[in-house]
Amino acid sequence: MAAIESFDHIYLDLSKEPGKCRFAENGLGWKPVGGGETFTLDVSNIGGAQWSRAARGYEVKILQRTSGVIQLDGFQQEDYERLAKIFKNWYSTNLENKEHSLRGWNWGKAEFGKAELTFNVQNRPAFEIPYSEIANTNLAGRNEIAVEFAPGDHGKSSQNGQVKSKKASASRDQLVEIRFYIPGTTTRKEAEGGEAGSDADEEEKNAVTLFYDTLIEKAEIGETAGDTIATFLDVLHLTPRGRFDIDMYDTSFRLRGKTYDYKIQYEAIKKFMVLPKPDDLHFMLCIGLDPPLRQGQTRYPFIVMQFKQDEEVTLDLNLSEEELNGKYKDRLQAHYEQPAHQVVTYIFKGLANKKVTAPAKDFTTHRGHYGIKCSIKASEGFLYCLEKAFMFVPKPATYISYEQTQSVTFSRVGGAVSTLSTFDITVHMKNGQGSSQFSNINREELKALEDFFKLKGLKVKNEIDEDANLLAAALRDDDMASSDEDVVGGKADRGSADEDEESVDEDFQAESESEVAEEYDSQHESSGSGSDEDDDDLDDDVVDDDEDEEEEEEEEEEEEEERPKKKKKTG
């Protein structure tokens, strides 16, 4: 057999580009075709090897003695015999031919190996998860556990110095979480793949809890208690909401809650802000993360904690004098006895080595506070003006830098009852990145905000004053128009409207005189004389009945004489 065996177009750990893989008696090596870092593995670190179907043909999986897994993909089926001889003769290891389960079932048995977690269906592996790829795990429900994977571009080191999450960076789309449903109870030996009932004295535990504890131990997710530098218990978090214990380690900190646990690297901290609440009773600590914290499908780019202003804490750090005087010199103290929010801030600043940001001193509200009460849509919170950005907390936590701001508009929603006492701020972003609106701000903050924005060189458009000026101008125009009508109204030529009004007046006067007169005359002729005679009959009883009869006869004669005359005229 030749001293060196070479294979082309081989992919290391699902890498994006292929490379050349070479096997020799003292180990193996892989180098990418386009140039780059060369990977080597010494023969003393080869603990086992498996041959199986994979994404790009056939794969050789090498199990390291230091609990690592190396995957070489891209071999052809006819390469099996050649590789089997290499591993048997040079590395004293059998190349095991392992077939995967292709049934597609989602119900099987999870087993913890030395370097990876295997999910078996009918005693065949459906998939394997290397421990080095696991970033965190949480109990997501009563019988459910979530396993999170580290993002590819944020690899981290475990306790033994092994770099994690090399494989996840291979593709554009990444698997970030997988969940297992584990009902019932079991023992620790069964969970690790031992035979059931081998130890009758072993206590049975909840299967999902035992799976969780075993995975944390195997994947080295949680550091031991002795490595904890400081611990803060039952800290109120506004985002994500709940109470968490904070364990602070050398390179990371951990949030431990009743349901979810989070492990966050200090490298992921991009911003750290201390924000006094306007109630003069609390302080909020806001931590900006990239990549953001994940809880199922929800992402939290900011963690918001809340502390009471008068809450004192006494704390001794779990660090030696050598570490305090060396690595953390001028960054941490051995003993703290101060308000809780100050102690947490000092320790985060010392361990993460990040700058602490506070609200700008050039802006205060009319009550002397730094935070402005407002809302984003239906969520109420507080808006802070920092030296270089806006910050809205607690939810949704929103950070907008002044450099990304195109302009700021002051406006008021029309038709609302409260528009006289409140206004809105709309921050327009550059390059068409959208806008954010902060609503229901007290009108008394308008002047101070406008002055501060101008001080920072932001373009400000005040639509409130423009609306007020337009309204005032409209009112002035209405007043002038009404006064002109009062003065010139009688002389203005209004066409037929004036004639109608004058004729109506004249007709009314003539009509009233003629109608009254005619009505009075007709009444006088028809009923006026009759009424007089009735009065005479009532007042003068001396009149004789004979005279009445004579008068009646005379009237009848007159009527008879008149009737034929009227007939002649008509005829």
Protein backbone atom coordinates (compact mmCIF):
# COMPACT_ATOMS: atom_id res chain seq x y z
CA MET A 1 0.00 0.00 0.00
CA ALA A 2 1.26 3.47 -0.84
CA ALA A 3 2.50 5.73 1.96
CA ILE A 4 -0.25 8.28 1.20
CA GLU A 5 -3.79 7.77 -0.07
CA SER A 6 -5.59 10.82 -1.58
CA PHE A 7 -9.26 11.50 -2.31
CA ASP A 8 -10.59 14.55 -4.19
CA HIS A 9 -13.87 16.48 -3.83
CA ILE A 10 -14.29 15.65 -0.14
CA TYR A 11 -16.26 17.95 2.18
CA LEU A 12 -15.18 18.39 5.80
CA ASP A 13 -18.03 18.77 8.31
CA LEU A 14 -20.49 19.83 5.59
CA SER A 15 -18.23 22.68 4.47
CA LYS A 16 -19.30 24.92 1.59
CA GLU A 17 -16.40 24.03 -0.68
CA PRO A 18 -14.68 20.68 -1.32
CA GLY A 19 -11.09 19.86 -0.66
CA LYS A 20 -8.45 17.15 -0.94
CA CYS A 21 -8.29 14.54 1.80
CA ARG A 22 -5.06 12.60 2.40
CA PHE A 23 -4.51 9.58 4.66
CA ALA A 24 -1.08 8.62 5.98
CA GLU A 25 0.23 6.25 8.63
CA ASN A 26 0.58 9.06 11.21
CA GLY A 27 -2.88 10.54 10.62
CA LEU A 28 -4.99 12.36 8.06
CA GLY A 29 -5.36 15.87 6.66
CA TRP A 30 -7.81 17.95 4.63
CA LYS A 31 -7.18 21.14 2.67
CA PRO A 32 -9.81 23.20 0.79
CA VAL A 33 -9.37 23.55 -2.97
CA GLY A 34 -9.61 27.35 -2.95
CA GLY A 35 -6.98 27.68 -0.25
CA GLY A 36 -7.43 28.20 3.44
CA GLU A 37 -6.81 26.59 6.79
CA THR A 38 -5.67 22.96 6.70
CA PHE A 39 -7.23 20.44 9.09
CA THR A 40 -5.14 17.60 10.51
CA LEU A 41 -5.95 14.73 12.84
CA ASP A 42 -3.29 12.63 14.59
CA VAL A 43 -3.57 8.86 14.57
CA SER A 44 -3.58 8.79 18.38
CA ASN A 45 -6.88 10.74 18.41
CA ILE A 46 -8.80 8.31 16.14
CA GLY A 47 -11.12 6.25 18.32
CA GLY A 48 -13.50 4.77 15.75
CA ALA A 49 -14.87 5.10 12.22
CA GLN A 50 -18.21 4.55 10.52
CA TRP A 51 -19.24 4.30 6.86
CA SER A 52 -22.75 5.38 5.81
CA ARG A 53 -24.82 7.14 3.15
CA ALA A 54 -24.78 10.93 3.37
CA ALA A 55 -25.76 14.13 1.54
CA ARG A 56 -23.07 14.03 -1.17
CA GLY A 57 -22.60 10.29 -1.57
CA TYR A 58 -20.94 8.31 1.20
CA GLU A 59 -19.51 9.57 4.45
CA VAL A 60 -16.73 8.54 6.80
CA LYS A 61 -17.46 9.57 10.37
CA ILE A 62 -14.43 9.54 12.66
CA LEU A 63 -15.01 9.42 16.42
CA GLN A 64 -12.21 11.17 18.26
CA ARG A 65 -10.87 10.02 21.58
CA THR A 66 -11.38 13.58 22.90
CA SER A 67 -15.18 13.29 22.41
CA GLY A 68 -15.28 15.00 19.03
CA VAL A 69 -16.76 13.95 15.68
CA ILE A 70 -15.18 14.48 12.25
CA GLN A 71 -17.32 14.03 9.11
CA LEU A 72 -15.80 13.50 5.67
CA ASP A 73 -18.47 13.46 2.97
CA GLY A 74 -18.26 12.93 -0.79
CA PHE A 75 -16.78 9.43 -1.15
CA GLN A 76 -17.97 6.96 -3.80
CA GLN A 77 -19.32 3.50 -3.04
CA GLU A 78 -16.28 1.81 -4.59
CA ASP A 79 -14.01 3.67 -2.10
CA TYR A 80 -15.22 1.54 0.81
CA GLU A 81 -12.77 -1.33 0.46
CA ARG A 82 -9.85 1.01 -0.01
CA LEU A 83 -10.77 3.02 3.09
CA ALA A 84 -11.45 -0.09 5.16
CA LYS A 85 -7.87 -1.27 4.51
CA ILE A 86 -6.50 2.19 5.44
CA PHE A 87 -8.26 2.24 8.82
CA LYS A 88 -7.47 -1.40 9.62
CA ASN A 89 -3.77 -1.37 8.63
CA TRP A 90 -2.75 2.15 9.68
CA TYR A 91 -5.14 3.08 12.47
CA SER A 92 -6.01 -0.38 13.85
CA THR A 93 -9.71 0.47 13.59
CA ASN A 94 -12.55 -1.27 11.78
CA LEU A 95 -14.59 0.88 9.39
CA GLU A 96 -18.08 -0.03 10.52
CA ASN A 97 -20.77 -0.04 7.84
CA LYS A 98 -23.77 1.62 9.43
CA GLU A 99 -27.16 1.91 7.75
CA HIS A 100 -29.59 4.71 8.65
CA SER A 101 -33.31 4.34 9.15
CA LEU A 102 -35.21 5.64 6.14
CA ARG A 103 -38.74 5.03 7.42
CA GLY A 104 -39.29 8.71 8.24
CA TRP A 105 -40.82 7.98 11.62
CA ASN A 106 -40.74 10.68 14.28
CA TRP A 107 -41.07 8.19 17.16
CA GLY A 108 -37.99 6.40 18.38
CA LYS A 109 -35.40 6.28 21.14
CA ALA A 110 -32.74 8.85 21.93
CA GLU A 111 -29.39 7.52 23.11
CA PHE A 112 -26.43 9.41 24.53
CA GLY A 113 -23.13 8.37 23.01
CA LYS A 114 -19.63 9.50 23.81
CA ALA A 115 -19.59 12.34 21.28
CA GLU A 116 -23.14 12.68 19.99
CA LEU A 117 -26.84 12.21 20.65
CA THR A 118 -28.40 9.57 18.40
CA PHE A 119 -32.09 9.22 17.56
CA ASN A 120 -32.79 5.58 16.67
CA VAL A 121 -35.81 4.15 14.88
CA GLN A 122 -35.99 0.32 15.08
CA ASN A 123 -32.38 0.14 16.27
CA ARG A 124 -31.12 2.16 13.30
CA PRO A 125 -29.99 5.79 13.56
CA ALA A 126 -32.33 8.31 11.96
CA PHE A 127 -30.02 11.24 12.74
CA GLU A 128 -27.16 12.19 15.06
CA ILE A 129 -26.47 15.47 16.87
CA PRO A 130 -22.85 16.13 17.93
CA TYR A 131 -22.62 17.61 21.41
CA SER A 132 -20.32 20.29 20.05
CA GLU A 133 -23.25 21.70 18.02
CA ILE A 134 -25.60 22.08 21.00
CA ALA A 135 -25.67 25.59 22.45
CA ASN A 136 -28.49 25.34 24.99
CA THR A 137 -31.43 23.26 26.15
CA ASN A 138 -34.68 24.11 27.94
CA LEU A 139 -37.68 22.32 29.37
CA ALA A 140 -40.31 23.71 27.00
CA GLY A 141 -43.31 21.94 28.52
CA ARG A 142 -44.45 19.22 30.87
CA ASN A 143 -42.94 16.41 28.77
CA GLU A 144 -41.12 18.46 26.14
CA ILE A 145 -37.52 19.58 25.81
CA ALA A 146 -36.02 22.06 23.34
CA VAL A 147 -32.45 21.66 22.05
CA GLU A 148 -30.91 24.81 20.56
CA PHE A 149 -27.99 24.92 18.16
CA ALA A 150 -25.28 27.56 18.06
CA PRO A 151 -25.32 29.96 15.07
CA GLY A 152 -22.57 29.22 12.60
CA ASP A 153 -20.86 32.61 12.74
CA HIS A 154 -20.74 32.70 16.52
CA GLY A 155 -18.67 29.65 17.40
CA LYS A 156 -17.63 29.30 21.01
CA SER A 157 -15.25 27.22 23.04
CA SER A 158 -16.18 24.61 25.60
CA GLN A 159 -14.29 23.85 28.78
CA ASN A 160 -11.77 21.61 27.01
CA GLY A 161 -11.03 24.33 24.46
CA GLN A 162 -12.87 22.71 21.58
CA VAL A 163 -14.45 25.20 19.22
CA LYS A 164 -18.19 24.67 18.90
CA SER A 165 -20.57 25.18 15.98
CA LYS A 166 -18.14 24.79 13.08
CA LYS A 167 -20.59 22.77 11.02
CA ALA A 168 -23.57 25.04 11.41
CA SER A 169 -21.83 27.73 9.37
CA ALA A 170 -21.85 25.56 6.28
CA SER A 171 -25.13 26.67 4.81
CA ARG A 172 -27.22 29.78 4.42
CA ASP A 173 -30.25 28.17 6.06
CA GLN A 174 -29.56 26.75 9.48
CA LEU A 175 -31.41 24.48 11.87
CA VAL A 176 -31.64 26.44 15.13
CA GLU A 177 -33.86 24.24 17.33
CA ILE A 178 -35.30 20.76 17.65
CA ARG A 179 -37.81 19.52 20.23
CA PHE A 180 -38.33 16.10 21.78
CA TYR A 181 -41.48 14.82 23.47
CA ILE A 182 -40.46 12.43 26.27
CA PRO A 183 -43.31 11.06 28.41
CA GLY A 184 -43.18 8.72 31.39
CA THR A 185 -40.44 7.85 33.85
CA THR A 186 -37.08 6.12 33.48
CA THR A 187 -33.73 5.54 35.17
CA ARG A 188 -30.39 7.09 34.36
CA LYS A 189 -28.99 3.87 32.91
CA GLU A 190 -31.93 3.53 30.54
CA ALA A 191 -31.52 7.14 29.44
CA GLU A 192 -27.86 6.52 28.58
CA GLY A 193 -28.68 3.33 26.65
CA GLY A 194 -28.27 0.71 29.38
CA GLU A 195 -30.52 -2.25 29.96
CA ALA A 196 -33.77 -1.69 31.82
CA GLY A 197 -33.93 -3.23 35.27
CA SER A 198 -30.16 -3.84 35.51
CA ASP A 199 -30.12 -2.01 38.82
CA ALA A 200 -33.33 -2.51 40.80
CA ASP A 201 -32.29 -0.06 43.52
CA GLU A 202 -31.91 2.87 41.12
CA GLU A 203 -34.63 5.49 41.54
CA GLU A 204 -36.94 6.24 38.63
CA LYS A 205 -37.25 9.87 37.61
CA ASN A 206 -39.28 11.91 35.17
CA ALA A 207 -37.91 10.94 31.75
CA VAL A 208 -37.78 14.46 30.33
CA THR A 209 -36.03 15.85 33.43
CA LEU A 210 -33.44 13.06 33.35
CA PHE A 211 -32.90 13.65 29.61
CA TYR A 212 -32.40 17.36 30.34
CA ASP A 213 -29.85 16.77 33.12
CA THR A 214 -27.93 14.20 31.06
CA LEU A 215 -27.76 16.46 28.01
CA ILE A 216 -26.46 19.40 30.05
CA GLU A 217 -23.71 17.18 31.43
CA LYS A 218 -22.76 15.55 28.12
CA ALA A 219 -22.84 18.73 26.03
CA GLU A 220 -21.07 20.78 28.75
CA ILE A 221 -23.77 23.44 28.58
CA GLY A 222 -23.79 24.51 32.22
CA GLU A 223 -20.63 25.34 34.12
CA THR A 224 -20.24 23.98 37.62
CA ALA A 225 -21.14 26.03 40.71
CA GLY A 226 -17.47 26.52 41.56
CA ASP A 227 -16.94 28.47 38.33
CA THR A 228 -19.63 31.01 39.17
CA ILE A 229 -18.12 34.45 39.79
CA ALA A 230 -21.34 36.07 41.05
CA THR A 231 -24.99 35.14 41.43
CA PHE A 232 -28.08 37.37 41.72
CA LEU A 233 -31.31 35.67 42.74
CA ASP A 234 -34.89 36.35 41.64
CA VAL A 235 -34.23 39.37 39.43
CA LEU A 236 -37.31 40.84 37.74
CA HIS A 237 -37.05 40.91 33.95
CA LEU A 238 -39.46 42.96 31.85
CA THR A 239 -38.17 41.46 28.57
CA PRO A 240 -38.44 38.49 28.42
CA ARG A 241 -40.99 38.76 31.19
CA GLY A 242 -40.41 36.73 34.36
CA ARG A 243 -38.04 36.31 37.29
CA PHE A 244 -34.62 34.80 36.62
CA ASP A 245 -31.54 33.97 38.64
CA ILE A 246 -28.39 35.42 37.06
CA ASP A 247 -25.22 33.29 37.20
CA MET A 248 -22.16 35.12 35.92
CA TYR A 249 -19.16 33.17 34.64
CA ASP A 250 -15.83 34.02 33.06
CA THR A 251 -17.01 34.11 29.43
CA SER A 252 -20.82 33.96 29.72
CA PHE A 253 -23.80 34.52 31.99
CA ARG A 254 -26.86 32.36 32.52
CA LEU A 255 -30.48 33.27 33.17
CA ARG A 256 -32.25 30.51 35.12
CA GLY A 257 -36.03 30.68 35.27
CA LYS A 258 -38.81 28.30 36.19
CA THR A 259 -39.45 27.32 32.56
CA TYR A 260 -36.58 28.63 30.41
CA ASP A 261 -32.82 28.83 30.89
CA TYR A 262 -30.60 30.98 28.70
CA LYS A 263 -26.85 30.91 28.30
CA ILE A 264 -25.45 34.07 26.71
CA GLN A 265 -21.85 34.80 25.76
CA TYR A 266 -20.43 38.17 26.75
CA GLU A 267 -19.30 38.51 23.12
CA ALA A 268 -22.99 38.75 22.15
CA ILE A 269 -23.47 41.90 24.27
CA LYS A 270 -23.38 44.94 21.98
CA LYS A 271 -25.00 47.59 24.21
CA PHE A 272 -25.46 48.09 27.95
CA MET A 273 -27.71 50.90 29.18
CA VAL A 274 -28.70 52.12 32.65
CA LEU A 275 -32.08 53.90 32.47
CA PRO A 276 -33.72 55.54 35.53
CA LYS A 277 -37.48 55.04 35.58
CA PRO A 278 -39.57 58.25 35.82
CA ASP A 279 -41.23 57.02 39.04
CA ASP A 280 -38.01 57.73 41.03
CA LEU A 281 -38.29 54.22 42.51
CA HIS A 282 -36.70 51.87 39.95
CA PHE A 283 -33.75 51.53 37.57
CA MET A 284 -33.84 49.53 34.34
CA LEU A 285 -30.78 47.77 32.90
CA CYS A 286 -31.04 47.16 29.16
CA ILE A 287 -28.66 44.71 27.43
CA GLY A 288 -28.53 44.66 23.62
CA LEU A 289 -27.70 41.24 22.10
CA ASP A 290 -26.54 40.09 18.68
CA PRO A 291 -27.53 37.37 17.91
CA PRO A 292 -30.78 37.98 19.79
CA LEU A 293 -32.14 35.75 22.52
CA ARG A 294 -34.56 33.11 21.22
CA GLN A 295 -37.61 31.64 22.93
CA GLY A 296 -39.37 29.39 20.45
CA GLN A 297 -40.25 31.56 17.47
CA THR A 298 -39.82 34.80 19.44
CA ARG A 299 -36.60 36.79 19.33
CA TYR A 300 -35.47 39.22 21.99
CA PRO A 301 -32.71 41.59 20.80
CA PHE A 302 -32.79 43.31 24.22
CA ILE A 303 -32.93 42.05 27.81
CA VAL A 304 -34.56 44.53 30.20
CA MET A 305 -34.10 44.08 33.97
CA GLN A 306 -35.66 46.17 36.71
CA PHE A 307 -34.23 46.90 40.17
CA LYS A 308 -35.54 48.92 43.08
CA GLN A 309 -33.55 52.08 43.62
CA ASP A 310 -33.13 51.53 47.39
CA GLU A 311 -32.36 47.79 47.17
CA GLU A 312 -28.91 47.25 48.70
CA VAL A 313 -26.76 44.17 48.11
CA THR A 314 -23.55 42.85 49.68
CA LEU A 315 -21.46 40.58 47.45
CA ASP A 316 -18.03 38.94 47.47
CA LEU A 317 -16.78 37.80 44.07
CA ASN A 318 -15.59 34.23 43.63
CA LEU A 319 -12.20 35.28 42.27
CA SER A 320 -8.67 34.86 43.57
CA GLU A 321 -6.37 37.79 44.27
CA GLU A 322 -4.22 36.82 41.31
CA GLU A 323 -7.20 37.04 38.93
CA LEU A 324 -8.33 40.36 40.44
CA ASN A 325 -4.86 41.85 40.17
CA GLY A 326 -4.13 40.32 36.77
CA LYS A 327 -6.94 39.62 34.32
CA TYR A 328 -9.52 41.88 35.99
CA LYS A 329 -7.25 44.61 37.28
CA ASP A 330 -9.03 48.00 37.51
CA ARG A 331 -12.21 46.29 36.27
CA LEU A 332 -13.56 44.38 39.27
CA GLN A 333 -13.40 44.61 43.06
CA ALA A 334 -13.35 41.77 45.56
CA HIS A 335 -16.22 43.19 47.65
CA TYR A 336 -19.33 45.23 46.78
CA GLU A 337 -21.82 46.87 49.12
CA GLN A 338 -23.98 49.17 47.02
CA PRO A 339 -27.45 49.38 45.41
CA ALA A 340 -28.22 46.24 43.42
CA HIS A 341 -28.45 47.93 40.02
CA GLN A 342 -24.99 49.49 40.48
CA VAL A 343 -23.38 46.19 41.50
CA VAL A 344 -24.87 44.34 38.50
CA THR A 345 -23.71 47.14 36.21
CA TYR A 346 -20.13 47.12 37.57
CA ILE A 347 -19.80 43.33 37.25
CA PHE A 348 -21.24 43.24 33.71
CA LYS A 349 -18.92 46.07 32.73
CA GLY A 350 -15.90 44.29 34.22
CA LEU A 351 -16.60 40.82 32.81
CA ALA A 352 -17.94 41.81 29.39
CA ASN A 353 -15.66 44.86 29.09
CA LYS A 354 -18.48 46.91 27.57
CA LYS A 355 -19.21 50.63 27.80
CA VAL A 356 -22.17 51.65 29.96
CA THR A 357 -24.57 54.14 28.34
CA ALA A 358 -26.79 56.55 30.26
CA PRO A 359 -29.43 59.11 29.12
CA ALA A 360 -28.19 62.39 27.68
CA LYS A 361 -27.85 65.14 30.26
CA ASP A 362 -28.96 67.78 27.74
CA PHE A 363 -32.56 66.60 27.95
CA THR A 364 -34.93 66.35 30.89
CA THR A 365 -38.72 66.40 31.03
CA HIS A 366 -40.75 69.22 32.61
CA ARG A 367 -40.65 67.19 35.85
CA GLY A 368 -36.89 66.71 35.75
CA HIS A 369 -36.91 63.05 34.57
CA TYR A 370 -35.01 61.43 31.70
CA GLY A 371 -37.76 59.12 30.48
CA ILE A 372 -40.89 60.24 28.59
CA LYS A 373 -44.06 58.24 29.02
CA CYS A 374 -45.46 57.27 25.61
CA SER A 375 -46.57 54.24 23.62
CA ILE A 376 -45.78 52.29 20.45
CA LYS A 377 -49.16 51.24 19.09
CA ALA A 378 -50.90 49.65 22.08
CA SER A 379 -47.74 49.05 24.16
CA GLU A 380 -46.97 51.66 26.81
CA GLY A 381 -43.42 52.38 27.88
CA PHE A 382 -40.76 55.07 28.20
CA LEU A 383 -38.72 56.87 25.55
CA TYR A 384 -35.16 57.90 26.45
CA CYS A 385 -32.96 60.32 24.54
CA LEU A 386 -29.40 59.01 24.70
CA GLU A 387 -26.31 60.77 23.43
CA LYS A 388 -26.40 58.91 20.12
CA ALA A 389 -29.80 57.22 19.88
CA PHE A 390 -33.44 56.90 20.93
CA MET A 391 -34.30 54.01 23.25
CA PHE A 392 -37.83 52.80 24.00
CA VAL A 393 -38.38 50.26 26.79
CA PRO A 394 -39.58 47.83 27.94
CA LYS A 395 -41.59 46.19 25.16
CA PRO A 396 -41.06 46.25 22.29
CA ALA A 397 -37.54 47.43 23.11
CA THR A 398 -36.61 49.76 20.23
CA TYR A 399 -33.21 51.33 19.52
CA ILE A 400 -32.84 54.00 16.81
CA SER A 401 -29.50 55.76 16.34
CA TYR A 402 -29.43 59.41 15.31
CA GLU A 403 -27.14 58.52 12.40
CA GLN A 404 -29.91 56.37 10.89
CA THR A 405 -32.56 59.07 11.40
CA GLN A 406 -33.68 61.05 8.36
CA SER A 407 -36.08 63.42 10.15
CA VAL A 408 -38.38 63.75 13.15
CA THR A 409 -41.99 64.90 12.80
CA PHE A 410 -44.18 66.29 15.58
CA SER A 411 -47.84 65.67 14.83
CA ARG A 412 -51.24 65.39 16.45
CA VAL A 413 -53.95 62.89 15.58
CA GLY A 414 -57.05 64.76 14.46
CA GLY A 415 -60.45 64.07 15.92
CA ALA A 416 -59.26 62.76 19.28
CA VAL A 417 -60.38 64.29 22.54
CA SER A 418 -56.89 64.20 24.04
CA THR A 419 -55.17 65.92 21.10
CA LEU A 420 -55.01 69.22 22.96
CA SER A 421 -52.83 67.75 25.72
CA THR A 422 -50.77 65.13 23.78
CA PHE A 423 -48.85 64.77 20.53
CA ASP A 424 -46.98 62.11 18.54
CA ILE A 425 -43.39 61.78 17.32
CA THR A 426 -42.62 59.97 14.06
CA VAL A 427 -38.97 59.08 13.45
CA HIS A 428 -38.25 58.54 9.74
CA MET A 429 -35.26 56.32 8.91
CA LYS A 430 -32.72 56.83 6.14
CA ASN A 431 -32.60 54.75 2.96
CA GLY A 432 -36.29 53.87 3.17
CA GLN A 433 -35.94 51.70 6.28
CA GLY A 434 -39.38 52.71 7.51
CA SER A 435 -40.44 54.78 10.49
CA SER A 436 -41.37 54.43 14.17
CA GLN A 437 -44.13 56.41 15.87
CA PHE A 438 -44.22 57.26 19.58
CA SER A 439 -47.73 58.33 20.62
CA ASN A 440 -49.51 60.08 23.49
CA ILE A 441 -46.63 62.27 24.66
CA ASN A 442 -47.46 65.06 27.10
CA ARG A 443 -47.73 68.43 25.33
CA GLU A 444 -45.45 70.00 27.93
CA GLU A 445 -42.49 67.99 26.56
CA LEU A 446 -42.76 69.51 23.06
CA LYS A 447 -40.42 72.47 23.54
CA ALA A 448 -37.69 70.49 25.33
CA LEU A 449 -37.73 67.71 22.71
CA GLU A 450 -37.63 70.14 19.80
CA ASP A 451 -34.64 71.98 21.30
CA PHE A 452 -32.80 68.72 21.99
CA PHE A 453 -33.32 67.39 18.46
CA LYS A 454 -32.05 70.62 16.97
CA LEU A 455 -29.04 70.42 19.29
CA LYS A 456 -28.27 66.96 17.89
CA GLY A 457 -28.59 68.24 14.32
CA LEU A 458 -31.77 66.33 13.46
CA LYS A 459 -34.26 67.64 10.91
CA VAL A 460 -37.44 68.58 12.76
CA LYS A 461 -40.85 69.20 11.21
CA ASN A 462 -43.47 70.58 13.57
CA GLU A 463 -46.89 69.89 12.06
CA ILE A 464 -48.61 70.95 15.29
CA ASP A 465 -47.55 74.60 14.88
CA GLU A 466 -48.37 74.49 11.17
CA ASP A 467 -51.88 73.26 11.91
CA ALA A 468 -52.29 75.91 14.59
CA ASN A 469 -51.16 78.66 12.19
CA LEU A 470 -53.52 77.45 9.47
CA LEU A 471 -56.40 77.32 11.94
CA ALA A 472 -55.65 80.80 13.21
CA ALA A 473 -55.48 82.14 9.64
CA ALA A 474 -58.80 80.51 8.80
CA LEU A 475 -60.42 82.05 11.87
CA ARG A 476 -59.05 85.49 10.95
CA ASP A 477 -60.46 85.16 7.42
CA ASP A 478 -63.88 84.22 8.81
CA ASP A 479 -63.87 87.17 11.18
CA MET A 480 -62.95 89.64 8.38
CA ALA A 481 -65.61 88.23 6.07
CA SER A 482 -68.34 88.58 8.70
CA SER A 483 -67.32 92.16 9.54
CA ASP A 484 -67.35 93.16 5.83
CA GLU A 485 -70.86 91.79 5.45
CA ASP A 486 -72.05 93.88 8.39
CA VAL A 487 -70.66 97.13 6.97
CA VAL A 488 -71.35 96.77 3.26
CA GLY A 489 -74.35 94.51 3.37
CA GLY A 490 -77.02 97.23 2.66
CA LYS A 491 -75.16 98.65 -0.32
CA ALA A 492 -74.11 95.45 -1.98
CA ASP A 493 -75.87 94.52 -5.21
CA ARG A 494 -77.46 91.12 -4.59
CA GLY A 495 -79.59 90.99 -7.78
CA SER A 496 -83.20 89.82 -7.53
CA ALA A 497 -82.82 89.02 -3.84
CA ASP A 498 -83.04 92.73 -2.97
CA GLU A 499 -86.07 93.27 -5.22
CA ASP A 500 -87.89 90.37 -3.66
CA GLU A 501 -87.30 91.68 -0.20
CA GLU A 502 -88.48 95.25 -1.12
CA SER A 503 -91.67 94.04 -2.92
CA VAL A 504 -92.52 91.82 -0.01
CA ASP A 505 -92.36 94.81 2.34
CA GLU A 506 -94.54 97.04 0.14
CA ASP A 507 -97.09 94.32 -0.53
CA PHE A 508 -97.27 93.55 3.11
CA GLN A 509 -98.08 97.19 4.01
CA ALA A 510 -100.70 97.70 1.20
CA GLU A 511 -102.20 94.31 1.70
CA SER A 512 -102.52 94.76 5.40
CA GLU A 513 -104.35 98.13 5.08
CA SER A 514 -106.74 97.02 2.28
CA GLU A 515 -107.47 93.64 3.74
CA VAL A 516 -108.14 95.02 7.17
CA ALA A 517 -110.33 97.76 5.79
CA GLU A 518 -112.35 95.48 3.52
CA GLU A 519 -112.71 92.92 6.21
CA TYR A 520 -113.86 95.58 8.61
CA ASP A 521 -116.34 97.06 6.09
CA SER A 522 -117.82 93.69 5.19
CA GLN A 523 -118.15 92.85 8.80
CA HIS A 524 -119.75 96.16 9.43
CA GLU A 525 -122.30 95.64 6.65
CA SER A 526 -123.13 92.07 7.46
CA SER A 527 -122.96 91.86 11.19
CA GLY A 528 -122.23 95.36 12.41
CA SER A 529 -125.83 96.67 12.02
CA GLY A 530 -127.29 93.52 13.45
CA SER A 531 -125.18 93.85 16.50
CA ASP A 532 -126.23 97.47 16.96
CA GLU A 533 -129.93 96.57 16.75
CA ASP A 534 -129.38 93.84 19.31
CA ASP A 535 -127.76 96.34 21.61
CA ASP A 536 -130.64 98.81 21.05
CA ASP A 537 -133.19 96.08 21.82
CA LEU A 538 -131.36 95.24 25.03
CA ASP A 539 -130.81 98.83 26.11
CA ASP A 540 -134.11 100.42 25.02
CA ASP A 541 -137.22 98.48 26.06
CA VAL A 542 -139.57 101.27 25.08
CA VAL A 543 -139.56 100.38 21.35
CA ASP A 544 -143.03 99.12 20.27
CA ASP A 545 -143.66 95.94 18.43
CA ASP A 546 -145.63 97.79 15.84
CA GLU A 547 -142.67 99.81 14.74
CA ASP A 548 -140.71 96.64 14.34
CA GLU A 549 -143.35 95.11 12.16
CA GLU A 550 -143.52 98.20 9.97
CA GLU A 551 -139.79 98.19 9.46
CA GLU A 552 -139.84 94.53 8.49
CA GLU A 553 -142.57 95.10 5.94
CA GLU A 554 -140.64 97.98 4.39
CA GLU A 555 -137.49 95.88 4.06
CA GLU A 556 -139.38 93.05 2.38
CA GLU A 557 -140.84 95.45 -0.14
CA GLU A 558 -137.42 96.86 -0.93
CA GLU A 559 -135.99 93.38 -1.52
CA GLU A 560 -138.82 92.52 -3.91
CA GLU A 561 -138.16 95.65 -5.91
CA GLU A 562 -134.40 95.00 -6.17
CA ARG A 563 -134.49 91.34 -7.32
CA PRO A 564 -136.08 91.84 -10.72
CA LYS A 565 -133.70 94.71 -11.45
CA LYS A 566 -130.68 92.39 -10.91
CA LYS A 567 -132.19 89.82 -13.26
CA LYS A 568 -132.60 92.41 -16.01
CA LYS A 569 -128.93 93.47 -15.69
CA THR A 570 -127.68 89.96 -15.98
CA GLY A 571 -130.00 89.17 -18.84
